[in-house]
Amino acid sequence: MSCSCPYALTEDGIEKKFVTNHLRDFLLTNLLLDKMKRIVKWAGVKGRIMNVSSLAHVNTYMEGIHFDKINDKDSYNDKLAYGQSKMVNVLHANELARCLKNVPLEVITTSYVVLHPNLKGVTKKYFNYFHEEDTSAHAKDEELVRKLWDLELQQYVQIVGGHHSEI
């Protein structure tokens, strides 16, 4: 369920719903990733990274992501912006799983999957409550994934400064 939130920018100049529902988790994951890699290597166990999305990911802008207009007040629609923020969580989880395929870290999208022992090793899947479901066409779009990854890294440097973790 989405809230009706008016358009707003963070102090860093990035649309607030995008930051709240996606970018903050991207930033936290990136800040912790090197430590997580060291811990799973040291402990000899497989770690899990959980990304949260919702069925709202199917209700986004026509092109999927408003890359050139992500901070544009005139094209902002609160419901579509919410859907966009949830869809990029699915895209990000899938791309992170691809990048970490040789690292003992799983990337998943719901706490049920984190805790259920029969789903150990499951990655790059979208779950709605307790059931695996298909994602929207935008959430599978490889071009959107690459453009999103570039945008995330730009915004990471803008907010945090300096260098990001190598994934």
Protein backbone atom coordinates (compact mmCIF):
# COMPACT_ATOMS: atom_id res chain seq x y z
CA MET A 1 0.00 0.00 0.00
CA SER A 2 1.34 3.38 -0.95
CA CYS A 3 0.90 6.59 0.94
CA SER A 4 -0.12 9.75 -0.79
CA CYS A 5 3.09 11.68 -0.36
CA PRO A 6 3.66 15.07 -1.89
CA TYR A 7 6.72 15.69 -4.02
CA ALA A 8 9.78 16.55 -1.94
CA LEU A 9 13.55 16.49 -2.28
CA THR A 10 16.06 15.44 0.36
CA GLU A 11 18.75 17.89 1.44
CA ASP A 12 20.96 16.13 -1.15
CA GLY A 13 18.49 17.11 -3.90
CA ILE A 14 17.13 13.60 -4.58
CA GLU A 15 13.41 12.77 -4.71
CA LYS A 16 12.42 11.69 -1.20
CA LYS A 17 10.27 8.62 -2.02
CA PHE A 18 13.10 7.17 -4.14
CA VAL A 19 15.56 7.72 -1.29
CA THR A 20 13.22 6.39 1.41
CA ASN A 21 12.07 3.26 -0.40
CA HIS A 22 15.22 2.35 -2.28
CA LEU A 23 18.38 4.41 -2.14
CA ARG A 24 18.87 4.23 1.65
CA ASP A 25 18.91 0.42 1.44
CA PHE A 26 21.31 0.54 -1.51
CA LEU A 27 23.57 2.85 0.50
CA LEU A 28 23.47 0.66 3.60
CA THR A 29 24.18 -2.49 1.59
CA ASN A 30 27.08 -0.81 -0.16
CA LEU A 31 28.52 0.51 3.09
CA LEU A 32 28.34 -2.94 4.72
CA LEU A 33 29.18 -5.16 1.75
CA ASP A 34 32.94 -5.47 2.28
CA LYS A 35 32.38 -6.37 5.96
CA MET A 36 29.70 -8.88 5.00
CA LYS A 37 32.04 -10.54 2.49
CA ARG A 38 34.81 -10.80 5.11
CA ILE A 39 32.43 -12.22 7.73
CA VAL A 40 30.99 -14.95 5.48
CA LYS A 41 34.50 -15.90 4.38
CA TRP A 42 35.76 -15.99 7.97
CA ALA A 43 32.71 -17.86 9.32
CA GLY A 44 32.44 -20.24 6.38
CA VAL A 45 28.70 -19.70 6.06
CA LYS A 46 26.46 -18.28 3.37
CA GLY A 47 25.09 -14.83 4.19
CA ARG A 48 21.81 -13.33 3.02
CA ILE A 49 20.89 -9.84 1.89
CA MET A 50 17.19 -9.09 1.94
CA ASN A 51 15.55 -6.46 -0.25
CA VAL A 52 11.92 -5.49 0.37
CA SER A 53 9.56 -4.72 -2.46
CA SER A 54 5.83 -5.03 -3.05
CA LEU A 55 3.29 -5.80 -5.74
CA ALA A 56 3.21 -2.05 -6.34
CA HIS A 57 6.34 -2.63 -8.45
CA VAL A 58 4.06 -3.41 -11.39
CA ASN A 59 2.53 0.10 -11.28
CA THR A 60 5.30 2.42 -12.39
CA TYR A 61 6.04 4.97 -15.09
CA MET A 62 5.57 3.81 -18.70
CA GLU A 63 9.33 3.58 -19.32
CA GLY A 64 9.89 1.88 -15.96
CA ILE A 65 12.26 4.39 -14.40
CA HIS A 66 12.26 8.15 -14.90
CA PHE A 67 16.05 8.34 -15.13
CA ASP A 68 16.21 11.86 -16.57
CA LYS A 69 13.24 13.05 -14.54
CA ILE A 70 13.74 11.23 -11.22
CA ASN A 71 13.89 14.56 -9.39
CA ASP A 72 11.47 16.43 -11.67
CA LYS A 73 8.49 17.93 -9.85
CA ASP A 74 6.42 18.42 -13.03
CA SER A 75 6.43 14.74 -14.00
CA TYR A 76 6.05 13.42 -10.43
CA ASN A 77 3.10 11.15 -9.66
CA ASP A 78 3.06 9.84 -6.08
CA LYS A 79 1.61 6.40 -6.92
CA LEU A 80 3.89 5.85 -9.92
CA ALA A 81 6.90 7.11 -7.94
CA TYR A 82 6.09 4.56 -5.22
CA GLY A 83 5.80 1.78 -7.82
CA GLN A 84 9.10 2.91 -9.34
CA SER A 85 10.82 2.80 -5.95
CA LYS A 86 9.59 -0.76 -5.37
CA MET A 87 10.42 -1.93 -8.89
CA VAL A 88 14.01 -0.70 -8.57
CA ASN A 89 14.31 -2.81 -5.41
CA VAL A 90 13.57 -5.91 -7.52
CA LEU A 91 16.00 -4.80 -10.25
CA HIS A 92 18.67 -4.03 -7.66
CA ALA A 93 18.25 -7.37 -5.87
CA ASN A 94 18.63 -9.26 -9.15
CA GLU A 95 21.68 -7.26 -10.24
CA LEU A 96 23.31 -7.57 -6.82
CA ALA A 97 22.74 -11.34 -6.90
CA ARG A 98 24.35 -11.48 -10.36
CA CYS A 99 27.35 -9.45 -9.19
CA LEU A 100 27.77 -11.61 -6.08
CA LYS A 101 27.40 -14.98 -7.82
CA ASN A 102 30.92 -16.01 -6.74
CA VAL A 103 30.49 -14.70 -3.20
CA PRO A 104 28.67 -16.74 -0.53
CA LEU A 105 25.89 -14.13 -0.19
CA GLU A 106 22.28 -14.68 -1.28
CA VAL A 107 20.06 -11.77 -2.28
CA ILE A 108 16.33 -12.19 -1.72
CA THR A 109 13.18 -10.08 -1.39
CA THR A 110 11.25 -11.15 1.71
CA SER A 111 11.88 -12.15 5.32
CA TYR A 112 10.02 -15.47 4.83
CA VAL A 113 12.75 -16.50 2.43
CA VAL A 114 15.46 -15.38 4.85
CA LEU A 115 14.15 -17.65 7.59
CA HIS A 116 12.76 -20.72 5.79
CA PRO A 117 15.36 -23.53 5.74
CA ASN A 118 13.97 -25.12 2.54
CA LEU A 119 14.72 -21.94 0.62
CA LYS A 120 18.42 -21.84 1.44
CA GLY A 121 20.34 -21.00 -1.72
CA VAL A 122 17.36 -19.37 -3.44
CA THR A 123 18.37 -16.08 -5.03
CA LYS A 124 17.07 -13.63 -7.68
CA LYS A 125 13.46 -14.55 -6.92
CA TYR A 126 10.48 -12.38 -5.99
CA PHE A 127 8.16 -13.61 -3.24
CA ASN A 128 4.73 -12.30 -2.39
CA TYR A 129 4.13 -13.44 1.16
CA PHE A 130 4.99 -17.16 0.98
CA HIS A 131 4.81 -17.72 -2.77
CA GLU A 132 7.27 -17.11 -5.54
CA GLU A 133 5.74 -14.85 -8.18
CA ASP A 134 6.71 -13.48 -11.52
CA THR A 135 7.80 -9.84 -11.66
CA SER A 136 6.81 -7.13 -14.11
CA ALA A 137 8.51 -6.80 -17.49
CA HIS A 138 10.30 -3.67 -16.26
CA ALA A 139 11.71 -5.59 -13.29
CA LYS A 140 13.41 -7.97 -15.77
CA ASP A 141 14.72 -5.30 -18.15
CA GLU A 142 18.53 -5.58 -18.41
CA GLU A 143 18.93 -2.05 -19.84
CA LEU A 144 17.00 -0.60 -16.88
CA VAL A 145 19.24 -2.58 -14.53
CA ARG A 146 22.44 -1.13 -16.01
CA LYS A 147 21.10 2.42 -16.01
CA LEU A 148 19.80 2.02 -12.45
CA TRP A 149 23.16 0.70 -11.24
CA ASP A 150 24.91 3.75 -12.71
CA LEU A 151 22.35 6.09 -11.11
CA GLU A 152 22.70 4.38 -7.71
CA LEU A 153 26.47 4.72 -7.79
CA GLN A 154 26.25 8.40 -8.81
CA GLN A 155 23.85 9.11 -5.96
CA TYR A 156 25.97 7.11 -3.54
CA VAL A 157 28.98 9.29 -4.31
CA GLN A 158 26.77 12.41 -4.13
CA ILE A 159 25.48 11.51 -0.66
CA VAL A 160 28.38 9.65 0.95
CA GLY A 161 31.25 11.03 -1.06
CA GLY A 162 34.37 9.16 -1.91
CA HIS A 163 34.43 5.64 -3.28
CA HIS A 164 31.87 2.85 -3.12
CA SER A 165 32.47 -0.84 -2.40
CA GLU A 166 33.52 -3.06 -5.27
CA ILE A 167 30.76 -5.56 -5.84
